[in-house]
Protein backbone atom coordinates (compact mmCIF):
# COMPACT_ATOMS: atom_id res chain seq x y z
CA UNK A 1 77.15 163.18 77.36
CA UNK A 2 80.08 163.28 74.91
CA UNK A 3 81.05 166.78 76.06
CA UNK A 4 80.96 165.64 79.69
CA UNK A 5 83.20 162.70 78.83
CA UNK A 6 85.73 164.95 77.08
CA UNK A 7 85.76 167.40 80.00
CA UNK A 8 86.22 164.52 82.45
CA UNK A 9 89.13 163.15 80.43
CA UNK A 10 90.76 166.58 80.30
CA UNK A 11 90.36 166.97 84.07
CA UNK A 12 91.78 163.48 84.66
CA UNK A 13 94.79 164.26 82.46
CA UNK A 14 95.41 167.47 84.39
CA UNK A 15 95.25 165.62 87.72
CA UNK A 16 97.61 162.91 86.44
CA UNK A 17 100.06 165.56 85.23
CA UNK A 18 99.95 167.28 88.63
CA UNK A 19 100.55 163.98 90.45
CA UNK A 20 103.45 163.02 88.18
CA UNK A 21 105.04 166.45 88.60
CA UNK A 22 104.79 166.21 92.39
CA UNK A 23 106.26 162.70 92.34
CA UNK A 24 109.17 163.89 90.16
CA UNK A 25 109.75 166.76 92.58
CA UNK A 26 109.79 164.36 95.53
CA UNK A 27 112.31 162.18 93.71
């Protein structure tokens, strides 16, 4: 369970970074 949580957090961070980068590009 702990490993799944860590992997999920890593994936979420990657998605957030992608979204922020796209938003910065649009700006």
